[in-house]
Protein backbone atom coordinates (compact mmCIF):
# COMPACT_ATOMS: atom_id res chain seq x y z
CA UNK A 1 -73.10 -1.68 -14.43
CA UNK A 2 -71.26 -4.94 -13.68
CA UNK A 3 -72.12 -7.73 -16.07
CA UNK A 4 -74.48 -10.21 -14.53
CA UNK A 5 -74.53 -13.99 -15.30
CA UNK A 6 -76.64 -16.79 -13.90
CA UNK A 7 -77.05 -20.50 -14.21
CA UNK A 8 -80.53 -21.68 -15.41
CA UNK A 9 -82.89 -22.39 -12.69
CA UNK A 10 -84.91 -25.51 -12.36
CA UNK A 11 -88.18 -25.75 -13.82
CA UNK A 12 -91.19 -24.99 -11.53
CA UNK A 13 -92.76 -28.10 -9.90
CA UNK A 14 -96.23 -27.12 -11.28
CA UNK A 15 -99.10 -29.73 -11.11
CA UNK A 16 -100.12 -31.39 -14.21
CA UNK A 17 -103.28 -29.51 -14.40
CA UNK A 18 -101.49 -26.16 -14.33
CA UNK A 19 -99.26 -27.27 -17.23
CA UNK A 20 -102.18 -28.07 -19.18
CA UNK A 21 -104.13 -25.07 -18.33
CA UNK A 22 -101.04 -22.93 -19.36
CA UNK A 23 -100.55 -24.61 -22.58
CA UNK A 24 -104.26 -24.69 -23.50
CA UNK A 25 -104.56 -20.98 -22.51
CA UNK A 26 -101.83 -19.73 -24.59
CA UNK A 27 -102.09 -22.33 -27.43
CA UNK A 28 -98.26 -23.13 -27.51
CA UNK A 29 -96.57 -26.57 -28.19
CA UNK A 30 -92.86 -25.76 -28.39
CA UNK A 31 -89.83 -27.95 -27.97
CA UNK A 32 -87.69 -27.32 -24.92
CA UNK A 33 -85.08 -24.85 -25.40
CA UNK A 34 -82.14 -23.87 -22.97
CA UNK A 35 -82.14 -20.27 -21.83
CA UNK A 36 -79.05 -18.53 -22.82
CA UNK A 37 -76.51 -16.66 -20.45
CA UNK A 38 -76.13 -13.04 -21.51
CA UNK A 39 -74.68 -9.86 -20.31
CA UNK A 40 -76.55 -7.15 -19.06
CA UNK A 41 -76.17 -3.42 -19.95
CA UNK A 42 -72.53 -3.65 -20.48
CA UNK A 43 -71.83 -3.22 -24.31
CA UNK A 44 -68.63 -1.78 -25.36
CA UNK A 45 -69.18 2.04 -25.79
CA UNK A 46 -67.47 2.30 -29.13
CA UNK A 47 -69.90 -0.68 -30.56
CA UNK A 48 -73.15 0.84 -28.40
CA UNK A 49 -72.80 4.10 -30.28
CA UNK A 50 -72.55 2.61 -33.60
CA UNK A 51 -75.45 0.16 -33.61
CA UNK A 52 -76.21 -0.97 -37.16
CA UNK A 53 -79.92 0.19 -38.02
CA UNK A 54 -79.62 -1.68 -41.30
CA UNK A 55 -79.82 -4.83 -39.32
CA UNK A 56 -82.88 -3.95 -37.41
CA UNK A 57 -86.36 -4.32 -38.54
CA UNK A 58 -88.25 -3.42 -35.12
CA UNK A 59 -89.18 -7.24 -34.67
CA UNK A 60 -89.24 -6.87 -30.91
CA UNK A 61 -91.16 -3.63 -30.84
CA UNK A 62 -93.66 -5.06 -33.27
CA UNK A 63 -94.37 -8.19 -30.96
CA UNK A 64 -94.51 -6.18 -28.12
CA UNK A 65 -96.84 -3.58 -29.26
CA UNK A 66 -99.22 -6.07 -30.99
CA UNK A 67 -99.33 -7.98 -27.83
CA UNK A 68 -99.89 -4.81 -25.82
CA UNK A 69 -103.27 -4.60 -27.68
CA UNK A 70 -104.64 -7.27 -25.75
CA UNK A 71 -103.88 -5.39 -22.39
CA UNK A 72 -105.32 -2.16 -23.70
CA UNK A 73 -108.61 -4.09 -24.66
CA UNK A 74 -108.99 -5.28 -20.97
CA UNK A 75 -108.06 -2.04 -19.70
CA UNK A 76 -110.89 -0.20 -21.82
CA UNK A 77 -113.54 -2.73 -20.61
CA UNK A 78 -112.30 -2.39 -17.16
CA UNK A 79 -112.31 1.33 -17.17
CA UNK A 80 -115.65 1.39 -19.06
CA UNK A 81 -117.32 -0.61 -16.36
CA UNK A 82 -116.10 1.75 -13.57
CA UNK A 83 -117.39 4.68 -15.32
CA UNK A 84 -120.37 3.26 -15.91
CA UNK A 85 -120.85 2.08 -12.31
CA UNK A 86 -119.66 5.50 -10.96
CA UNK A 87 -116.72 3.90 -9.48
CA UNK A 88 -113.46 6.18 -9.44
CA UNK A 89 -114.75 7.94 -12.52
CA UNK A 90 -112.07 10.39 -12.61
CA UNK A 91 -109.25 7.90 -12.65
CA UNK A 92 -111.15 5.46 -15.10
CA UNK A 93 -111.89 8.29 -17.71
CA UNK A 94 -108.16 9.00 -17.42
CA UNK A 95 -107.49 5.46 -18.26
CA UNK A 96 -109.84 5.28 -21.12
CA UNK A 97 -108.30 8.42 -22.75
CA UNK A 98 -104.74 7.06 -22.48
CA UNK A 99 -105.74 3.65 -23.48
CA UNK A 100 -107.65 4.73 -26.63
CA UNK A 101 -104.82 7.01 -27.82
CA UNK A 102 -102.27 4.30 -27.19
CA UNK A 103 -104.38 1.52 -29.15
CA UNK A 104 -104.52 4.18 -32.10
CA UNK A 105 -100.92 5.09 -32.03
CA UNK A 106 -99.94 1.36 -32.04
CA UNK A 107 -102.16 0.32 -34.87
CA UNK A 108 -101.26 3.07 -36.92
CA UNK A 109 -97.32 2.54 -36.14
CA UNK A 110 -97.82 -1.22 -36.94
CA UNK A 111 -99.20 -0.21 -40.34
CA UNK A 112 -97.07 2.84 -41.32
CA UNK A 113 -94.03 2.28 -39.26
CA UNK A 114 -93.05 4.77 -36.42
CA UNK A 115 -89.42 4.90 -35.43
CA UNK A 116 -90.37 6.65 -32.06
CA UNK A 117 -92.48 3.37 -31.29
CA UNK A 118 -89.35 1.29 -32.30
CA UNK A 119 -90.85 0.53 -35.93
CA UNK A 120 -88.54 1.88 -38.44
CA UNK A 121 -90.85 0.99 -41.39
CA UNK A 122 -94.28 0.37 -42.79
CA UNK A 123 -95.73 -3.10 -42.90
CA UNK A 124 -95.48 -4.97 -46.05
CA UNK A 125 -96.92 -8.41 -45.53
CA UNK A 126 -100.45 -8.79 -46.98
CA UNK A 127 -101.44 -11.24 -44.19
CA UNK A 128 -100.28 -8.96 -41.53
CA UNK A 129 -102.17 -5.97 -42.84
CA UNK A 130 -105.20 -7.82 -43.23
CA UNK A 131 -105.17 -8.89 -39.45
CA UNK A 132 -104.38 -5.21 -38.78
CA UNK A 133 -107.46 -3.81 -40.67
CA UNK A 134 -109.51 -6.46 -39.17
CA UNK A 135 -108.39 -5.28 -35.74
CA UNK A 136 -109.28 -1.60 -36.45
CA UNK A 137 -112.52 -2.27 -37.78
CA UNK A 138 -113.45 -4.03 -34.49
CA UNK A 139 -111.62 -1.29 -32.42
CA UNK A 140 -113.49 1.79 -34.02
CA UNK A 141 -117.04 1.46 -32.56
CA UNK A 142 -115.09 0.72 -29.16
CA UNK A 143 -112.95 3.68 -29.85
CA UNK A 144 -116.00 6.14 -30.39
CA UNK A 145 -117.51 4.72 -27.19
CA UNK A 146 -114.40 4.85 -25.09
CA UNK A 147 -113.85 8.64 -26.25
CA UNK A 148 -117.40 9.40 -25.17
CA UNK A 149 -117.09 7.83 -21.87
CA UNK A 150 -113.50 9.48 -21.28
CA UNK A 151 -115.04 13.00 -22.05
CA UNK A 152 -118.25 12.64 -19.70
CA UNK A 153 -120.63 13.07 -22.82
CA UNK A 154 -121.57 9.15 -22.75
CA UNK A 155 -124.89 7.30 -22.74
CA UNK A 156 -125.58 3.96 -21.40
CA UNK A 157 -125.29 2.61 -24.90
CA UNK A 158 -121.64 3.51 -25.04
CA UNK A 159 -120.71 1.09 -21.92
CA UNK A 160 -123.02 -1.22 -23.76
CA UNK A 161 -120.80 -1.02 -27.01
CA UNK A 162 -117.73 -1.69 -25.07
CA UNK A 163 -119.25 -4.53 -22.99
CA UNK A 164 -120.51 -6.26 -25.92
CA UNK A 165 -117.37 -5.83 -28.16
CA UNK A 166 -114.25 -6.33 -26.10
CA UNK A 167 -114.52 -10.05 -26.05
CA UNK A 168 -114.41 -10.37 -29.91
CA UNK A 169 -111.65 -7.47 -30.04
CA UNK A 170 -109.62 -9.47 -27.47
CA UNK A 171 -109.61 -12.68 -29.53
CA UNK A 172 -108.77 -10.55 -32.61
CA UNK A 173 -105.86 -9.00 -30.91
CA UNK A 174 -104.53 -12.37 -29.94
CA UNK A 175 -104.74 -13.57 -33.61
CA UNK A 176 -102.74 -10.30 -34.69
CA UNK A 177 -100.23 -10.92 -31.93
CA UNK A 178 -99.74 -14.65 -33.17
CA UNK A 179 -99.34 -13.44 -36.82
CA UNK A 180 -96.99 -10.72 -35.82
CA UNK A 181 -94.74 -13.13 -33.51
CA UNK A 182 -94.41 -15.71 -36.28
CA UNK A 183 -93.45 -13.24 -39.08
CA UNK A 184 -90.97 -11.35 -36.98
CA UNK A 185 -89.14 -14.39 -35.19
CA UNK A 186 -85.82 -14.77 -36.69
CA UNK A 187 -82.20 -15.80 -35.49
CA UNK A 188 -80.89 -12.34 -35.92
CA UNK A 189 -83.82 -10.26 -34.55
CA UNK A 190 -86.06 -12.07 -32.36
CA UNK A 191 -85.83 -15.97 -31.23
CA UNK A 192 -89.17 -17.73 -31.43
CA UNK A 193 -88.59 -18.41 -27.69
CA UNK A 194 -88.00 -14.96 -27.13
CA UNK A 195 -91.25 -14.12 -28.80
CA UNK A 196 -92.96 -16.59 -26.86
CA UNK A 197 -91.97 -15.52 -23.26
CA UNK A 198 -92.80 -11.87 -24.45
CA UNK A 199 -96.33 -12.95 -25.29
CA UNK A 200 -96.49 -14.57 -21.93
CA UNK A 201 -95.05 -11.66 -20.09
CA UNK A 202 -97.30 -9.08 -21.79
CA UNK A 203 -100.31 -11.16 -21.61
CA UNK A 204 -100.06 -10.87 -17.84
CA UNK A 205 -101.03 -7.26 -17.99
CA UNK A 206 -104.26 -8.32 -19.75
CA UNK A 207 -104.91 -10.74 -17.09
CA UNK A 208 -104.38 -8.20 -14.36
CA UNK A 209 -106.80 -5.67 -15.85
CA UNK A 210 -109.28 -8.60 -16.31
CA UNK A 211 -109.56 -9.46 -12.90
CA UNK A 212 -110.63 -5.87 -12.22
CA UNK A 213 -113.11 -5.88 -14.77
CA UNK A 214 -114.47 -9.12 -13.40
CA UNK A 215 -114.56 -7.37 -9.86
CA UNK A 216 -116.32 -4.54 -11.33
CA UNK A 217 -119.06 -6.60 -13.20
CA UNK A 218 -119.75 -8.33 -9.80
CA UNK A 219 -119.93 -5.27 -7.83
CA UNK A 220 -122.28 -3.20 -10.24
CA UNK A 221 -124.42 -6.48 -10.85
CA UNK A 222 -123.76 -6.37 -14.61
CA UNK A 223 -121.76 -9.86 -14.26
CA UNK A 224 -123.19 -12.84 -16.05
CA UNK A 225 -123.27 -16.06 -13.88
CA UNK A 226 -120.15 -17.45 -14.68
CA UNK A 227 -118.02 -14.58 -13.83
CA UNK A 228 -117.27 -15.53 -10.42
CA UNK A 229 -115.75 -18.72 -11.78
CA UNK A 230 -113.97 -16.73 -14.56
CA UNK A 231 -112.38 -14.65 -11.59
CA UNK A 232 -111.19 -17.72 -10.31
CA UNK A 233 -109.77 -18.97 -13.51
CA UNK A 234 -108.10 -15.64 -14.22
CA UNK A 235 -106.39 -15.42 -10.63
CA UNK A 236 -105.19 -18.92 -11.05
CA UNK A 237 -103.53 -18.29 -14.51
CA UNK A 238 -101.87 -15.24 -13.42
CA UNK A 239 -100.38 -17.05 -10.52
CA UNK A 240 -99.46 -19.98 -12.58
CA UNK A 241 -97.97 -17.94 -15.49
CA UNK A 242 -95.79 -15.63 -13.05
CA UNK A 243 -94.48 -18.68 -11.48
CA UNK A 244 -93.61 -20.33 -14.69
CA UNK A 245 -91.92 -17.01 -16.01
CA UNK A 246 -89.96 -16.57 -12.82
CA UNK A 247 -88.77 -19.90 -12.79
CA UNK A 248 -89.03 -21.19 -16.43
CA UNK A 249 -91.43 -23.82 -17.65
CA UNK A 250 -90.06 -25.45 -20.95
CA UNK A 251 -93.09 -27.64 -21.45
CA UNK A 252 -95.13 -24.29 -22.42
CA UNK A 253 -92.20 -22.60 -24.19
CA UNK A 254 -90.96 -20.51 -21.38
CA UNK A 255 -87.27 -20.43 -20.67
CA UNK A 256 -85.84 -19.53 -17.48
CA UNK A 257 -85.10 -15.88 -17.06
CA UNK A 258 -82.06 -14.83 -19.32
CA UNK A 259 -80.58 -12.62 -16.57
CA UNK A 260 -80.49 -12.00 -12.70
CA UNK A 261 -82.33 -8.57 -13.38
CA UNK A 262 -85.35 -10.25 -15.44
CA UNK A 263 -85.50 -12.84 -12.61
CA UNK A 264 -85.33 -10.22 -9.63
CA UNK A 265 -88.10 -7.98 -11.44
CA UNK A 266 -90.20 -11.00 -11.77
CA UNK A 267 -89.81 -11.91 -8.24
CA UNK A 268 -90.58 -8.35 -7.19
CA UNK A 269 -93.80 -8.62 -9.01
CA UNK A 270 -94.61 -12.05 -7.35
CA UNK A 271 -94.06 -10.51 -3.96
CA UNK A 272 -96.48 -7.74 -4.63
CA UNK A 273 -98.95 -10.17 -5.90
CA UNK A 274 -98.72 -12.43 -2.96
CA UNK A 275 -99.00 -9.50 -0.54
CA UNK A 276 -102.19 -7.89 -2.07
CA UNK A 277 -104.01 -10.60 -4.05
CA UNK A 278 -106.56 -11.22 -1.07
CA UNK A 279 -108.81 -8.51 -2.63
CA UNK A 280 -109.54 -10.96 -5.40
CA UNK A 281 -109.58 -14.01 -3.29
CA UNK A 282 -112.36 -12.55 -0.96
CA UNK A 283 -114.71 -11.92 -3.89
CA UNK A 284 -113.84 -15.41 -5.15
CA UNK A 285 -114.83 -16.75 -1.61
CA UNK A 286 -118.10 -15.11 -1.94
CA UNK A 287 -117.84 -11.41 -0.70
CA UNK A 288 -119.91 -9.02 -2.93
CA UNK A 289 -117.27 -6.43 -4.04
CA UNK A 290 -117.94 -2.99 -2.96
CA UNK A 291 -116.83 -0.07 -5.01
CA UNK A 292 -113.94 0.78 -2.55
CA UNK A 293 -112.97 -3.20 -3.43
CA UNK A 294 -112.94 -2.25 -7.05
CA UNK A 295 -111.02 0.80 -6.63
CA UNK A 296 -108.37 -1.24 -4.68
CA UNK A 297 -108.33 -4.00 -7.34
CA UNK A 298 -107.94 -1.17 -9.92
CA UNK A 299 -104.81 0.18 -8.15
CA UNK A 300 -103.36 -3.22 -7.56
CA UNK A 301 -104.00 -4.01 -11.74
CA UNK A 302 -101.92 -0.65 -12.31
CA UNK A 303 -99.03 -1.77 -10.18
CA UNK A 304 -98.76 -5.24 -11.58
CA UNK A 305 -98.67 -3.80 -14.79
CA UNK A 306 -95.93 -1.36 -14.17
CA UNK A 307 -94.08 -4.59 -12.61
CA UNK A 308 -94.52 -6.46 -15.95
CA UNK A 309 -93.76 -3.59 -18.04
CA UNK A 310 -90.24 -3.46 -16.11
CA UNK A 311 -89.85 -7.08 -16.75
CA UNK A 312 -90.69 -6.71 -20.61
CA UNK A 313 -88.18 -4.29 -21.13
CA UNK A 314 -85.37 -6.32 -19.46
CA UNK A 315 -86.51 -9.30 -21.69
CA UNK A 316 -86.41 -6.86 -24.85
CA UNK A 317 -82.84 -6.03 -24.27
CA UNK A 318 -81.92 -9.54 -23.17
CA UNK A 319 -81.35 -11.39 -26.34
CA UNK A 320 -77.92 -12.37 -27.08
CA UNK A 321 -76.28 -9.98 -29.44
CA UNK A 322 -79.26 -7.32 -28.89
CA UNK A 323 -78.28 -5.59 -25.84
CA UNK A 324 -78.27 -2.27 -27.54
CA UNK A 325 -81.36 -2.87 -29.56
CA UNK A 326 -83.15 0.18 -27.73
CA UNK A 327 -80.54 2.41 -29.16
CA UNK A 328 -82.04 2.46 -32.73
CA UNK A 329 -85.50 3.62 -31.84
CA UNK A 330 -84.15 6.14 -29.16
CA UNK A 331 -81.71 7.68 -31.90
CA UNK A 332 -84.74 7.97 -34.08
CA UNK A 333 -86.86 9.53 -31.81
CA UNK A 334 -84.29 12.03 -30.76
CA UNK A 335 -83.22 12.95 -34.32
CA UNK A 336 -86.75 13.03 -35.73
CA UNK A 337 -88.48 14.56 -32.81
CA UNK A 338 -86.53 16.00 -30.05
CA UNK A 339 -84.15 17.87 -32.43
CA UNK A 340 -86.90 20.23 -33.09
CA UNK A 341 -86.69 21.67 -29.58
CA UNK A 342 -83.28 22.95 -30.21
CA UNK A 343 -84.10 25.81 -32.54
CA UNK A 344 -86.43 27.66 -30.06
CA UNK A 345 -85.10 31.05 -29.93
CA UNK A 346 -85.60 31.66 -26.41
CA UNK A 347 -83.30 28.72 -25.79
CA UNK A 348 -80.69 29.80 -27.95
CA UNK A 349 -80.60 33.19 -26.57
CA UNK A 350 -80.40 31.58 -23.00
CA UNK A 351 -77.53 29.48 -23.84
CA UNK A 352 -75.83 32.44 -25.71
CA UNK A 353 -76.17 34.58 -22.72
CA UNK A 354 -74.81 32.26 -20.06
CA UNK A 355 -71.78 31.70 -22.38
CA UNK A 356 -70.99 35.24 -22.35
CA UNK A 357 -71.84 35.61 -18.50
CA UNK A 358 -69.52 32.45 -17.80
CA UNK A 359 -66.73 33.50 -20.44
CA UNK A 360 -64.09 34.46 -17.59
CA UNK A 361 -64.83 31.48 -15.34
CA UNK A 362 -62.09 29.48 -14.05
CA UNK A 363 -62.00 25.66 -13.41
CA UNK A 364 -62.08 26.48 -9.85
CA UNK A 365 -65.03 28.92 -10.33
CA UNK A 366 -66.92 26.14 -12.03
CA UNK A 367 -66.35 23.58 -9.37
CA UNK A 368 -67.30 26.07 -6.82
CA UNK A 369 -70.65 26.61 -8.60
CA UNK A 370 -71.40 22.81 -8.77
CA UNK A 371 -70.37 22.43 -5.06
CA UNK A 372 -72.75 25.09 -4.11
CA UNK A 373 -75.78 23.38 -6.29
CA UNK A 374 -75.00 20.18 -4.74
CA UNK A 375 -75.19 21.87 -1.14
CA UNK A 376 -78.58 23.23 -2.01
CA UNK A 377 -79.64 19.86 -3.38
CA UNK A 378 -78.67 18.22 -0.44
CA UNK A 379 -80.59 20.78 1.95
CA UNK A 380 -83.78 20.12 -0.13
CA UNK A 381 -83.29 23.33 -2.27
CA UNK A 382 -82.02 26.98 -2.33
CA UNK A 383 -81.86 30.32 -4.33
CA UNK A 384 -79.51 28.85 -7.22
CA UNK A 385 -81.73 25.88 -7.82
CA UNK A 386 -84.68 27.86 -7.43
CA UNK A 387 -83.73 30.63 -9.77
CA UNK A 388 -82.77 28.06 -12.67
CA UNK A 389 -86.12 25.83 -12.43
CA UNK A 390 -88.36 28.88 -12.29
CA UNK A 391 -86.67 30.55 -15.43
CA UNK A 392 -88.83 31.24 -18.66
CA UNK A 393 -86.93 28.44 -20.64
CA UNK A 394 -87.10 25.93 -17.74
CA UNK A 395 -90.71 26.58 -17.80
CA UNK A 396 -90.94 26.13 -21.69
CA UNK A 397 -88.97 22.76 -21.41
CA UNK A 398 -91.24 21.30 -18.57
CA UNK A 399 -94.23 22.16 -20.97
CA UNK A 400 -92.49 20.31 -23.88
CA UNK A 401 -91.65 17.45 -21.45
CA UNK A 402 -95.28 17.10 -20.61
CA UNK A 403 -96.60 17.04 -24.13
CA UNK A 404 -94.58 14.01 -24.74
CA UNK A 405 -96.93 11.96 -22.67
CA UNK A 406 -94.35 10.10 -20.58
CA UNK A 407 -91.65 9.61 -23.42
CA UNK A 408 -89.47 12.60 -21.93
CA UNK A 409 -88.76 12.29 -18.26
CA UNK A 410 -86.29 14.86 -18.07
CA UNK A 411 -84.54 17.81 -20.12
CA UNK A 412 -81.80 20.09 -19.33
CA UNK A 413 -79.61 22.32 -21.41
CA UNK A 414 -75.94 22.80 -20.93
CA UNK A 415 -73.51 26.01 -22.12
CA UNK A 416 -70.16 25.60 -23.60
CA UNK A 417 -68.69 24.81 -20.13
CA UNK A 418 -71.16 22.16 -19.37
CA UNK A 419 -73.18 24.28 -16.80
CA UNK A 420 -76.93 23.76 -16.84
CA UNK A 421 -78.67 26.78 -18.52
CA UNK A 422 -82.12 25.39 -18.01
CA UNK A 423 -83.82 22.29 -17.08
CA UNK A 424 -87.34 20.65 -16.55
CA UNK A 425 -86.47 18.95 -13.12
CA UNK A 426 -83.89 19.38 -10.62
CA UNK A 427 -80.76 17.59 -11.46
CA UNK A 428 -78.30 16.03 -8.75
CA UNK A 429 -75.44 18.58 -10.12
CA UNK A 430 -74.75 21.81 -11.80
CA UNK A 431 -71.90 20.78 -13.98
CA UNK A 432 -72.00 17.95 -16.70
CA UNK A 433 -68.78 19.06 -18.03
CA UNK A 434 -66.93 15.91 -16.97
CA UNK A 435 -69.63 13.49 -18.28
CA UNK A 436 -70.09 11.91 -21.67
CA UNK A 437 -73.20 13.63 -22.10
CA UNK A 438 -71.48 16.82 -22.56
CA UNK A 439 -67.90 15.71 -23.74
CA UNK A 440 -69.46 13.59 -26.58
CA UNK A 441 -71.67 16.04 -27.81
CA UNK A 442 -70.40 19.51 -27.53
CA UNK A 443 -66.77 18.65 -27.72
CA UNK A 444 -67.63 16.50 -31.08
CA UNK A 445 -69.53 18.73 -33.25
CA UNK A 446 -73.17 19.75 -34.23
CA UNK A 447 -74.39 16.38 -35.45
CA UNK A 448 -73.36 14.38 -32.32
CA UNK A 449 -75.67 12.15 -30.50
CA UNK A 450 -74.76 10.02 -27.37
CA UNK A 451 -76.82 7.66 -25.88
CA UNK A 452 -76.48 6.33 -22.47
CA UNK A 453 -76.76 2.79 -20.98
CA UNK A 454 -80.25 2.03 -19.73
CA UNK A 455 -80.72 2.47 -15.99
CA UNK A 456 -83.65 2.14 -13.57
CA UNK A 457 -84.97 5.47 -12.51
CA UNK A 458 -86.23 5.19 -8.76
CA UNK A 459 -88.32 8.58 -9.22
CA UNK A 460 -90.38 7.25 -12.05
CA UNK A 461 -90.35 3.26 -11.76
CA UNK A 462 -89.26 2.91 -14.98
CA UNK A 463 -86.19 2.09 -17.10
CA UNK A 464 -84.71 4.79 -19.03
CA UNK A 465 -81.70 6.15 -21.03
CA UNK A 466 -80.31 9.54 -21.82
CA UNK A 467 -80.02 10.94 -25.18
CA UNK A 468 -77.66 14.09 -25.42
CA UNK A 469 -77.17 16.40 -28.64
CA UNK A 470 -75.17 19.19 -29.52
CA UNK A 471 -76.74 22.56 -29.86
CA UNK A 472 -75.66 24.89 -32.64
CA UNK A 473 -76.58 28.47 -33.14
CA UNK A 474 -78.96 28.53 -36.26
CA UNK A 475 -77.42 31.74 -37.49
CA UNK A 476 -73.86 30.51 -37.56
CA UNK A 477 -73.78 26.92 -37.25
CA UNK A 478 -71.39 27.21 -34.25
CA UNK A 479 -71.87 24.55 -31.59
CA UNK A 480 -72.86 26.66 -28.47
CA UNK A 481 -74.25 24.09 -26.00
CA UNK A 482 -75.66 20.54 -25.53
CA UNK A 483 -78.84 18.88 -24.22
CA UNK A 484 -79.73 15.94 -22.54
CA UNK A 485 -83.19 14.28 -22.68
CA UNK A 486 -84.17 11.36 -20.25
CA UNK A 487 -86.18 8.91 -22.29
CA UNK A 488 -88.53 6.21 -21.02
CA UNK A 489 -87.25 3.24 -22.88
CA UNK A 490 -90.19 1.35 -22.16
CA UNK A 491 -92.53 3.60 -24.14
CA UNK A 492 -89.93 3.14 -27.23
CA UNK A 493 -89.97 -0.44 -27.34
């Protein structure tokens, strides 16, 4: 991609009351700092492929993951209210199951380390471990209640456990995020100004889920008298913070967006918010929310969360000198987790069989096969694509992909000429032999790993990278093919 640079935009003209609201709500009093101008996804390939893991402590991932616990707390409370109120129960139960698993995984990773989550080692600082222990203790009864609600085996008491406990848990997750942000801010890994902006951006997701929870409480009659006023405050704070993030607001510690990509991502979320926020405004104006309105609010909250996730990913890789920080957890995930796929006997046999079948293919034959595939892809399908996608090994790859819960977005296997052997989803071409994913793995050796630059995937709505590895025959050690995994970078960071 072309390197993008921007001049810092002017600070937003927010009213003084809005400035006080932002500062008070987020408890920040930071000096004004200028926003750096940085390149975007354009690191030199040689440097990009040799990122020094020794300099990487997972600070960005730890700040991001700990702050995300606040969003998960609000999401659990919102989904619990909807299950208890019989509103979009199936979707709400799914949200509860995912949120509970995510909360557990983050706590475990913050304590013990998890390279696949971007945290290479266990936590050492006693103060942080104490904060994590206190967070886990508050989460434990809510986790049990959320599990019951998600499974359909809940009682009214389970919803009450969450309703009574989520506020204290939220406060504790804020304290935890503050402790971790302070601990892992340093000039080489994560500037304090970057940590502040991350906290603001991540909290937007919590505010989005909070709005839905408050709408649900109004709709189900479980709201306290002040919830309508609280909804107004939440809507105002979401609006003010989104503007501050988009335009910069140094008085609250928010620098302008460091790249055009960050700014555009925030602008897209702002446009979505302005187009659909009326569902909340109607409730603030006095309309009693219906079940349908709550469902619409929940859908909007999810869309806003996805938008902020994209922005957060861009922030995470926008620190000067840290453009390629995502490569460290991605390499760990590939070498520790994904490499285990490559010894599957059926997969090895499929590659060897195709190598033998294609042994006599000329370059013209390879190009002809690729053109045939491209023609079928352009026509919406055909026998060649159908045969490969329905092959037993392709079905196995799809099952493995699904089991990663969103970490892997695609996977395809290549033979010794770079032609596809099996794949979980349809690729745009059949021959990869002219691309780095094959040339810098199969042609390099058994331990080769190639990591691509980050790109936005329109089909998934996430930023992703590709990790490619050589595949060896376990019996001989000979390199017989290669594999490419599409990885959701946001899950890693």
